[in-house]
Protein backbone atom coordinates (compact mmCIF):
# COMPACT_ATOMS: atom_id res chain seq x y z
CA MET A 1 271.04 199.12 18.46
CA ILE A 2 269.82 198.64 14.89
CA TYR A 3 266.23 198.84 16.16
CA LEU A 4 266.97 202.21 17.79
CA ILE A 5 268.62 203.62 14.64
CA ARG A 6 265.74 202.40 12.49
CA LYS A 7 263.17 203.93 14.87
CA ILE A 8 264.97 207.30 14.89
CA PHE A 9 265.29 207.29 11.08
CA PHE A 10 261.62 206.46 10.42
CA ASN A 11 260.33 208.95 13.02
CA THR A 12 262.50 211.69 11.47
CA PHE A 13 261.29 210.72 7.99
CA TYR A 14 257.61 211.02 8.98
CA ILE A 15 258.18 214.37 10.71
CA LEU A 16 260.00 215.78 7.67
CA ASN A 17 257.41 214.31 5.28
CA GLY A 18 254.61 216.10 7.17
CA PHE A 19 256.66 219.30 7.18
CA ARG A 20 257.07 219.06 3.41
CA TYR A 21 253.31 219.31 2.93
CA GLN A 22 253.14 222.37 5.18
CA LEU A 23 255.42 224.14 2.69
CA GLN A 24 252.49 224.18 0.24
CA ILE A 25 250.72 226.82 2.35
CA PRO A 26 253.32 229.61 1.93
CA TYR A 27 253.65 228.66 -1.74
CA TYR A 28 249.92 229.10 -2.37
CA ARG A 29 249.96 232.32 -0.30
CA PHE A 30 252.75 233.57 -2.58
CA LEU A 31 250.51 232.82 -5.57
CA GLY A 32 247.73 234.96 -4.02
CA ALA A 33 245.59 232.52 -2.01
CA LYS A 34 244.13 233.94 1.21
CA ILE A 35 244.97 231.20 3.72
CA SER A 36 244.44 232.11 7.39
CA LYS A 37 246.58 231.07 10.34
CA GLY A 38 245.98 227.64 11.77
CA VAL A 39 245.17 226.03 8.41
CA ARG A 40 246.73 222.56 8.04
CA PHE A 41 247.41 220.48 4.94
CA TYR A 42 247.73 216.76 5.75
CA GLY A 43 249.18 215.53 2.48
CA ARG A 44 249.22 216.85 -1.05
CA VAL A 45 246.56 219.46 -1.82
CA ILE A 46 246.19 220.53 -5.46
CA ILE A 47 244.90 223.99 -6.31
CA LEU A 48 244.14 224.43 -10.01
CA GLY A 49 243.32 227.61 -11.91
CA TYR A 50 243.88 230.89 -10.07
CA PRO A 51 244.96 230.49 -6.41
CA SER A 52 244.11 234.18 -5.86
CA ASN A 53 240.42 233.12 -6.04
CA LEU A 54 240.81 230.91 -2.94
CA SER A 55 240.04 231.97 0.63
CA ILE A 56 240.40 229.54 3.58
CA GLY A 57 239.37 230.44 7.16
CA GLU A 58 241.16 229.75 10.44
CA LYS A 59 241.71 226.24 11.83
CA THR A 60 240.57 224.48 8.67
CA SER A 61 242.19 221.18 7.70
CA LEU A 62 242.56 219.65 4.24
CA ASN A 63 243.62 216.03 3.83
CA ASP A 64 245.60 214.24 1.15
CA GLY A 65 244.28 214.27 -2.41
CA VAL A 66 242.03 217.32 -2.12
CA ILE A 67 241.61 219.11 -5.47
CA ILE A 68 240.29 222.67 -5.61
CA ASN A 69 239.54 224.13 -9.03
CA CYS A 70 239.71 227.92 -8.59
CA ILE A 71 238.57 229.21 -11.95
CA ASP A 72 235.99 231.27 -9.98
CA LYS A 73 235.91 232.28 -6.27
CA VAL A 74 236.10 229.57 -3.59
CA PHE A 75 235.41 230.53 0.03
CA ILE A 76 236.00 227.96 2.77
CA GLY A 77 235.04 229.12 6.28
CA LYS A 78 236.57 228.62 9.72
CA GLN A 79 237.03 225.22 11.40
CA CYS A 80 236.12 223.15 8.34
CA HIS A 81 237.35 219.60 7.79
CA ILE A 82 237.88 218.52 4.20
CA SER A 83 238.67 214.82 4.03
CA THR A 84 240.66 212.72 1.58
CA ASN A 85 239.98 212.93 -2.17
CA VAL A 86 237.41 215.73 -2.00
CA MET A 87 237.01 217.66 -5.28
CA ILE A 88 235.74 221.24 -5.41
CA HIS A 89 234.99 222.47 -8.95
CA THR A 90 233.96 226.05 -9.81
CA ALA A 91 233.81 225.40 -13.56
CA GLY A 92 232.28 222.81 -15.83
CA LEU A 93 230.20 222.16 -18.89
CA ASN A 94 226.61 223.27 -19.34
CA GLU A 95 224.35 220.20 -19.50
CA PHE A 96 222.45 221.29 -22.61
CA ASP A 97 224.80 223.10 -25.00
CA PHE A 98 228.16 221.85 -23.63
CA LYS A 99 229.59 225.35 -23.18
CA HIS A 100 231.99 226.08 -20.34
CA ASN A 101 230.60 228.07 -17.44
CA LYS A 102 231.79 229.01 -13.97
CA LYS A 103 230.15 229.92 -10.66
CA PRO A 104 231.61 230.60 -7.18
CA ILE A 105 231.46 228.12 -4.29
CA LYS A 106 230.86 229.10 -0.66
CA ILE A 107 231.47 226.69 2.21
CA LYS A 108 230.61 228.32 5.54
CA ASN A 109 232.00 227.65 9.05
CA LYS A 110 232.23 224.23 10.73
CA VAL A 111 231.51 222.07 7.69
CA TRP A 112 232.78 218.51 7.34
CA LEU A 113 233.16 217.13 3.82
CA ALA A 114 233.79 213.39 4.20
CA ALA A 115 236.02 211.36 1.85
CA GLY A 116 235.29 211.48 -1.86
CA VAL A 117 232.76 214.33 -1.83
CA VAL A 118 232.39 216.34 -5.06
CA VAL A 119 231.24 219.97 -4.74
CA THR A 120 229.98 221.35 -8.05
CA GLN A 121 229.88 224.92 -9.33
CA GLY A 122 227.55 227.40 -7.69
CA SER A 123 227.13 225.35 -4.50
CA GLU A 124 226.68 226.91 -1.07
CA ILE A 125 227.00 224.85 2.11
CA SER A 126 225.72 226.47 5.33
CA SER A 127 227.37 226.27 8.76
CA ASN A 128 227.44 223.14 10.97
CA THR A 129 226.81 220.72 8.14
CA ILE A 130 228.12 217.21 7.49
CA ILE A 131 228.28 215.85 3.94
CA ALA A 132 228.62 212.04 3.94
CA ALA A 133 231.26 210.16 1.95
CA ASN A 134 231.06 210.00 -1.87
CA SER A 135 228.22 212.54 -2.07
CA VAL A 136 227.77 215.06 -4.88
CA VAL A 137 226.83 218.57 -3.73
CA LYS A 138 224.89 220.75 -6.16
CA GLY A 139 223.11 223.96 -5.15
CA TYR A 140 222.20 225.21 -1.67
CA ILE A 141 222.68 223.02 1.44
CA SER A 142 221.00 224.20 4.67
CA GLY A 143 222.80 224.32 8.01
CA ASP A 144 222.83 222.08 11.11
CA SER A 145 222.12 219.02 8.96
CA LEU A 146 223.47 215.75 7.61
CA TYR A 147 223.37 215.25 3.82
CA ALA A 148 224.28 212.16 1.79
CA GLY A 149 223.93 210.67 -1.66
CA SER A 150 224.45 211.47 -5.28
CA PRO A 151 222.92 213.99 -5.71
CA CYS A 152 223.17 215.11 -2.10
CA LYS A 153 219.88 214.83 -0.16
CA PHE A 154 218.83 215.85 3.34
CA LYS A 155 219.00 212.96 5.83
CA ARG A 156 218.40 214.55 9.24
CA LYS A 157 218.92 217.57 11.48
CA LEU A 158 221.91 217.51 13.82
CA ASN A 159 221.32 217.88 17.56
CA LYS A 160 223.15 220.68 19.35
CA SER A 161 225.29 218.01 21.06
CA LYS A 162 226.33 216.62 17.65
CA THR A 163 227.31 219.90 15.99
CA LEU A 164 230.91 220.24 14.92
CA ASN A 165 233.28 221.81 17.46
C-alpha cells in the first residue's frame, strides 16, 4: 500500500514539475517573444535582455539550462534541438578596444546544438547541421554538416540518411 501511494505521489510530482516549465512559454510570449506552437521547454530556460527580439519556430525543443541573451535579434528555425547548457549570446565585448557590441544570430531549420555549445554574436547556422558538444560557434556555418571544436570547425558532410528529421 505504501509503495502504491509513493508511486502515485512521485509520478504526480514529475508530471506537475514538467508542467511548471511549460508555463515559461506563455510568460515569454506575454513579454513579446514569438514562440510558435509545438515548442517545448524541458527544464528551466533563461531569456535575458529583450524577449521581444526572440523568434522560435515550430516543433523546436530547448532543454534545461539553456541561456539566450536577446540584446539583439535571435531567430531559431523549425524542428531545432537545443540541448542542455547551451548559451546563445548576441552581445559581447570587442576583442581590441573592449567596447560592447551586438549582432543578431540566425539558426535555421533542423539544427541540433549538443550540450554545452556556445553561439557567439553574429553567427549564422544553416539548415540540417549538427554542432558537437562543448563547441564554440563564431561566424557562418554551412548546412548538411557536422561541426565540432573550439572554435567550431567542419568535420564532415552528413549523408541524406543522417539528416535530422
